Amino acid sequence: MTAIPIETGLLLAGVLFMLGLISVMIRRNVIFMLISVEIMLNAAGLAFIVAGSHWAQPDGQIMFIFILTMAAAEVSVGLALILQIYHQLKTLNSDAANFMKG
C-alpha cells in the first residue's frame, strides 16, 4: 500500500478548509453555512489522518473519530436551531436573524 505524500495531503486539506471558510463568509443561507462548517471539520480530520499516516501512528485516526463525534453533535444542535429560526422567521437567511440582537 503506497501512501500519498504528506505535502499533497496537507495541500488538499488546506484547499478544502479554505473552500469551507470562504463559503461560510459568502453564503447567507444557514443550511449552506452548516455544510461549509462540516467541510472545514472534514478538512481538519483529513490533515490529522495524513499526519498520522506519515508518522505511522494511529493518533490521526483517533483524532478523526473525535472530530466526527463533534461534527455529529454540531449538526444536531445546528439543525435544531435552524428549525426554530425557520419556525419564527419563515426564512433561512442569516441576515433576517439580526432582530435577535439584544
N, C-alpha and C. Protein backbone atom coordinates (compact mmCIF):
# COMPACT_ATOMS: atom_id res chain seq x y z
N MET A 1 0.84 -1.17 0.00
CA MET A 1 0.00 0.00 0.00
C MET A 1 0.89 1.24 0.00
N THR A 2 0.71 2.11 -0.97
CA THR A 2 1.50 3.33 -1.04
C THR A 2 0.69 4.49 -0.48
N ALA A 3 1.34 5.26 0.34
CA ALA A 3 0.70 6.43 0.93
C ALA A 3 0.98 7.65 0.07
N ILE A 4 0.06 8.59 0.10
CA ILE A 4 0.29 9.82 -0.65
C ILE A 4 1.30 10.66 0.12
N PRO A 5 2.04 11.52 -0.57
CA PRO A 5 3.00 12.38 0.14
C PRO A 5 2.28 13.32 1.11
N ILE A 6 2.93 13.62 2.21
CA ILE A 6 2.31 14.47 3.23
C ILE A 6 2.00 15.86 2.68
N GLU A 7 2.83 16.37 1.78
CA GLU A 7 2.59 17.69 1.21
C GLU A 7 1.29 17.72 0.41
N THR A 8 1.05 16.66 -0.36
CA THR A 8 -0.16 16.60 -1.17
C THR A 8 -1.40 16.50 -0.29
N GLY A 9 -1.34 15.67 0.72
CA GLY A 9 -2.47 15.52 1.63
C GLY A 9 -2.78 16.79 2.40
N LEU A 10 -1.74 17.46 2.88
CA LEU A 10 -1.97 18.70 3.62
C LEU A 10 -2.42 19.82 2.70
N LEU A 11 -1.94 19.81 1.46
CA LEU A 11 -2.41 20.80 0.49
C LEU A 11 -3.90 20.61 0.20
N LEU A 12 -4.32 19.36 0.02
CA LEU A 12 -5.74 19.08 -0.19
C LEU A 12 -6.56 19.50 1.02
N ALA A 13 -6.08 19.20 2.22
CA ALA A 13 -6.79 19.61 3.43
C ALA A 13 -6.89 21.13 3.53
N GLY A 14 -5.81 21.81 3.18
CA GLY A 14 -5.83 23.28 3.21
C GLY A 14 -6.80 23.87 2.20
N VAL A 15 -6.83 23.29 1.01
CA VAL A 15 -7.76 23.78 -0.02
C VAL A 15 -9.20 23.55 0.42
N LEU A 16 -9.49 22.37 0.96
CA LEU A 16 -10.85 22.10 1.45
C LEU A 16 -11.24 23.05 2.58
N PHE A 17 -10.30 23.29 3.49
CA PHE A 17 -10.58 24.20 4.60
C PHE A 17 -10.86 25.61 4.09
N MET A 18 -10.06 26.07 3.13
CA MET A 18 -10.27 27.41 2.58
C MET A 18 -11.60 27.51 1.83
N LEU A 19 -11.97 26.45 1.10
CA LEU A 19 -13.27 26.44 0.43
C LEU A 19 -14.41 26.55 1.44
N GLY A 20 -14.30 25.82 2.53
CA GLY A 20 -15.32 25.91 3.57
C GLY A 20 -15.37 27.27 4.22
N LEU A 21 -14.20 27.85 4.50
CA LEU A 21 -14.14 29.16 5.14
C LEU A 21 -14.71 30.24 4.24
N ILE A 22 -14.34 30.22 2.98
CA ILE A 22 -14.86 31.22 2.03
C ILE A 22 -16.37 31.06 1.88
N SER A 23 -16.84 29.82 1.84
CA SER A 23 -18.26 29.58 1.71
C SER A 23 -19.04 30.06 2.94
N VAL A 24 -18.48 29.90 4.12
CA VAL A 24 -19.14 30.41 5.32
C VAL A 24 -19.24 31.93 5.27
N MET A 25 -18.21 32.59 4.77
CA MET A 25 -18.22 34.05 4.73
C MET A 25 -19.12 34.59 3.63
N ILE A 26 -19.27 33.87 2.53
CA ILE A 26 -20.04 34.37 1.39
C ILE A 26 -21.52 34.04 1.50
N ARG A 27 -21.85 32.84 1.90
CA ARG A 27 -23.24 32.37 1.90
C ARG A 27 -24.07 33.07 2.98
N ARG A 28 -25.36 33.22 2.70
CA ARG A 28 -26.28 33.78 3.68
C ARG A 28 -27.32 32.76 4.12
N ASN A 29 -27.40 31.63 3.42
CA ASN A 29 -28.33 30.58 3.80
C ASN A 29 -27.70 29.76 4.93
N VAL A 30 -28.44 29.57 6.00
CA VAL A 30 -27.91 28.93 7.19
C VAL A 30 -27.56 27.46 6.92
N ILE A 31 -28.33 26.80 6.07
CA ILE A 31 -28.05 25.39 5.74
C ILE A 31 -26.70 25.28 5.04
N PHE A 32 -26.46 26.16 4.07
CA PHE A 32 -25.17 26.14 3.37
C PHE A 32 -24.01 26.49 4.30
N MET A 33 -24.26 27.36 5.25
CA MET A 33 -23.22 27.69 6.23
C MET A 33 -22.89 26.47 7.09
N LEU A 34 -23.90 25.71 7.46
CA LEU A 34 -23.69 24.50 8.25
C LEU A 34 -22.91 23.46 7.45
N ILE A 35 -23.23 23.32 6.17
CA ILE A 35 -22.50 22.40 5.30
C ILE A 35 -21.04 22.84 5.17
N SER A 36 -20.81 24.14 5.09
CA SER A 36 -19.45 24.66 4.96
C SER A 36 -18.63 24.38 6.21
N VAL A 37 -19.25 24.47 7.37
CA VAL A 37 -18.54 24.14 8.61
C VAL A 37 -18.19 22.66 8.63
N GLU A 38 -19.08 21.83 8.10
CA GLU A 38 -18.78 20.40 8.00
C GLU A 38 -17.59 20.14 7.08
N ILE A 39 -17.51 20.87 5.99
CA ILE A 39 -16.36 20.74 5.08
C ILE A 39 -15.07 21.12 5.80
N MET A 40 -15.12 22.18 6.60
CA MET A 40 -13.95 22.60 7.35
C MET A 40 -13.53 21.55 8.37
N LEU A 41 -14.49 20.95 9.05
CA LEU A 41 -14.17 19.91 10.03
C LEU A 41 -13.57 18.68 9.35
N ASN A 42 -14.11 18.32 8.19
CA ASN A 42 -13.55 17.18 7.46
C ASN A 42 -12.15 17.48 6.95
N ALA A 43 -11.88 18.73 6.58
CA ALA A 43 -10.53 19.09 6.15
C ALA A 43 -9.55 18.96 7.31
N ALA A 44 -9.96 19.38 8.50
CA ALA A 44 -9.10 19.22 9.67
C ALA A 44 -8.86 17.74 9.96
N GLY A 45 -9.91 16.93 9.83
CA GLY A 45 -9.76 15.50 10.03
C GLY A 45 -8.83 14.87 9.01
N LEU A 46 -8.91 15.33 7.77
CA LEU A 46 -8.01 14.82 6.73
C LEU A 46 -6.56 15.16 7.06
N ALA A 47 -6.32 16.35 7.59
CA ALA A 47 -4.96 16.72 7.98
C ALA A 47 -4.44 15.79 9.08
N PHE A 48 -5.29 15.46 10.04
CA PHE A 48 -4.88 14.53 11.09
C PHE A 48 -4.58 13.14 10.52
N ILE A 49 -5.41 12.68 9.61
CA ILE A 49 -5.21 11.36 9.00
C ILE A 49 -3.90 11.32 8.22
N VAL A 50 -3.63 12.37 7.44
CA VAL A 50 -2.40 12.41 6.64
C VAL A 50 -1.18 12.44 7.55
N ALA A 51 -1.23 13.25 8.60
CA ALA A 51 -0.08 13.33 9.51
C ALA A 51 0.13 12.00 10.23
N GLY A 52 -0.94 11.37 10.67
CA GLY A 52 -0.82 10.07 11.32
C GLY A 52 -0.28 9.01 10.39
N SER A 53 -0.69 9.07 9.13
CA SER A 53 -0.19 8.12 8.14
C SER A 53 1.30 8.36 7.86
N HIS A 54 1.70 9.61 7.85
CA HIS A 54 3.11 9.92 7.57
C HIS A 54 4.02 9.37 8.66
N TRP A 55 3.60 9.48 9.92
CA TRP A 55 4.43 9.01 11.01
C TRP A 55 4.05 7.60 11.48
N ALA A 56 3.17 6.94 10.75
CA ALA A 56 2.75 5.56 11.03
C ALA A 56 2.23 5.41 12.47
N GLN A 57 1.41 6.38 12.88
CA GLN A 57 0.81 6.37 14.20
C GLN A 57 -0.71 6.39 14.06
N PRO A 58 -1.42 5.76 14.96
CA PRO A 58 -2.90 5.77 14.88
C PRO A 58 -3.53 7.03 15.48
N ASP A 59 -2.72 7.96 15.95
CA ASP A 59 -3.25 9.16 16.60
C ASP A 59 -4.15 9.98 15.68
N GLY A 60 -3.80 10.06 14.40
CA GLY A 60 -4.61 10.82 13.45
C GLY A 60 -5.99 10.24 13.28
N GLN A 61 -6.08 8.92 13.26
CA GLN A 61 -7.38 8.28 13.12
C GLN A 61 -8.22 8.46 14.38
N ILE A 62 -7.58 8.43 15.53
CA ILE A 62 -8.29 8.65 16.79
C ILE A 62 -8.84 10.07 16.84
N MET A 63 -8.03 11.05 16.44
CA MET A 63 -8.50 12.43 16.41
C MET A 63 -9.65 12.61 15.42
N PHE A 64 -9.57 11.89 14.29
CA PHE A 64 -10.65 11.99 13.30
C PHE A 64 -11.96 11.45 13.87
N ILE A 65 -11.89 10.41 14.68
CA ILE A 65 -13.11 9.89 15.32
C ILE A 65 -13.69 10.95 16.26
N PHE A 66 -12.84 11.64 17.02
CA PHE A 66 -13.32 12.73 17.88
C PHE A 66 -13.93 13.85 17.06
N ILE A 67 -13.32 14.18 15.91
CA ILE A 67 -13.84 15.24 15.05
C ILE A 67 -15.21 14.83 14.50
N LEU A 68 -15.36 13.57 14.09
CA LEU A 68 -16.65 13.10 13.60
C LEU A 68 -17.72 13.16 14.68
N THR A 69 -17.34 12.82 15.91
CA THR A 69 -18.28 12.90 17.02
C THR A 69 -18.71 14.34 17.27
N MET A 70 -17.75 15.25 17.27
CA MET A 70 -18.06 16.66 17.46
C MET A 70 -18.92 17.19 16.32
N ALA A 71 -18.64 16.75 15.10
CA ALA A 71 -19.42 17.20 13.94
C ALA A 71 -20.86 16.71 14.04
N ALA A 72 -21.06 15.50 14.52
CA ALA A 72 -22.42 14.98 14.67
C ALA A 72 -23.20 15.79 15.70
N ALA A 73 -22.54 16.12 16.80
CA ALA A 73 -23.20 16.93 17.83
C ALA A 73 -23.49 18.33 17.30
N GLU A 74 -22.56 18.88 16.54
CA GLU A 74 -22.74 20.22 15.97
C GLU A 74 -23.91 20.24 14.99
N VAL A 75 -24.03 19.20 14.19
CA VAL A 75 -25.13 19.14 13.22
C VAL A 75 -26.47 19.02 13.93
N SER A 76 -26.54 18.20 14.95
CA SER A 76 -27.82 18.03 15.64
C SER A 76 -28.27 19.34 16.32
N VAL A 77 -27.36 20.02 16.97
CA VAL A 77 -27.71 21.30 17.61
C VAL A 77 -27.99 22.36 16.55
N GLY A 78 -27.18 22.39 15.51
CA GLY A 78 -27.37 23.36 14.44
C GLY A 78 -28.70 23.20 13.73
N LEU A 79 -29.08 21.97 13.42
CA LEU A 79 -30.37 21.75 12.75
C LEU A 79 -31.54 22.10 13.67
N ALA A 80 -31.40 21.84 14.96
CA ALA A 80 -32.46 22.23 15.89
C ALA A 80 -32.62 23.76 15.92
N LEU A 81 -31.50 24.47 15.93
CA LEU A 81 -31.57 25.93 15.90
C LEU A 81 -32.14 26.44 14.58
N ILE A 82 -31.75 25.81 13.48
CA ILE A 82 -32.25 26.21 12.18
C ILE A 82 -33.76 26.02 12.10
N LEU A 83 -34.27 24.90 12.63
CA LEU A 83 -35.71 24.67 12.63
C LEU A 83 -36.45 25.72 13.45
N GLN A 84 -35.89 26.11 14.58
CA GLN A 84 -36.53 27.14 15.40
C GLN A 84 -36.51 28.50 14.71
N ILE A 85 -35.39 28.84 14.08
CA ILE A 85 -35.31 30.11 13.36
C ILE A 85 -36.29 30.12 12.20
N TYR A 86 -36.38 29.02 11.47
CA TYR A 86 -37.31 28.96 10.35
C TYR A 86 -38.75 29.03 10.83
N HIS A 87 -39.03 28.41 11.96
CA HIS A 87 -40.39 28.44 12.51
C HIS A 87 -40.80 29.87 12.87
N GLN A 88 -39.86 30.66 13.38
CA GLN A 88 -40.18 32.03 13.79
C GLN A 88 -40.11 33.02 12.64
N LEU A 89 -39.11 32.88 11.76
CA LEU A 89 -38.88 33.90 10.73
C LEU A 89 -39.40 33.53 9.35
N LYS A 90 -39.68 32.27 9.10
CA LYS A 90 -40.10 31.75 7.80
C LYS A 90 -39.06 31.99 6.71
N THR A 91 -37.80 32.05 7.10
CA THR A 91 -36.70 32.19 6.14
C THR A 91 -35.45 31.56 6.75
N LEU A 92 -34.51 31.18 5.87
CA LEU A 92 -33.23 30.64 6.33
C LEU A 92 -32.08 31.61 6.08
N ASN A 93 -32.42 32.85 5.74
CA ASN A 93 -31.41 33.87 5.50
C ASN A 93 -30.83 34.32 6.84
N SER A 94 -29.51 34.29 6.94
CA SER A 94 -28.89 34.64 8.22
C SER A 94 -29.02 36.12 8.56
N ASP A 95 -29.18 36.96 7.54
CA ASP A 95 -29.37 38.40 7.81
C ASP A 95 -30.71 38.70 8.46
N ALA A 96 -31.70 37.85 8.21
CA ALA A 96 -33.02 38.05 8.79
C ALA A 96 -33.03 37.79 10.30
N ALA A 97 -32.04 37.09 10.80
CA ALA A 97 -31.97 36.78 12.23
C ALA A 97 -31.35 37.92 13.03
N ASN A 98 -31.08 39.06 12.42
CA ASN A 98 -30.48 40.20 13.11
C ASN A 98 -31.39 40.78 14.18
N PHE A 99 -32.70 40.58 14.06
CA PHE A 99 -33.62 41.14 15.04
C PHE A 99 -33.39 40.53 16.41
N MET A 100 -32.70 39.41 16.48
CA MET A 100 -32.49 38.73 17.75
C MET A 100 -31.42 39.40 18.60
N LYS A 101 -30.73 40.42 18.06
CA LYS A 101 -29.74 41.14 18.85
C LYS A 101 -30.40 41.79 20.05
N GLY A 102 -29.66 41.80 21.18
CA GLY A 102 -30.10 42.33 22.44
C GLY A 102 -31.07 43.41 22.33
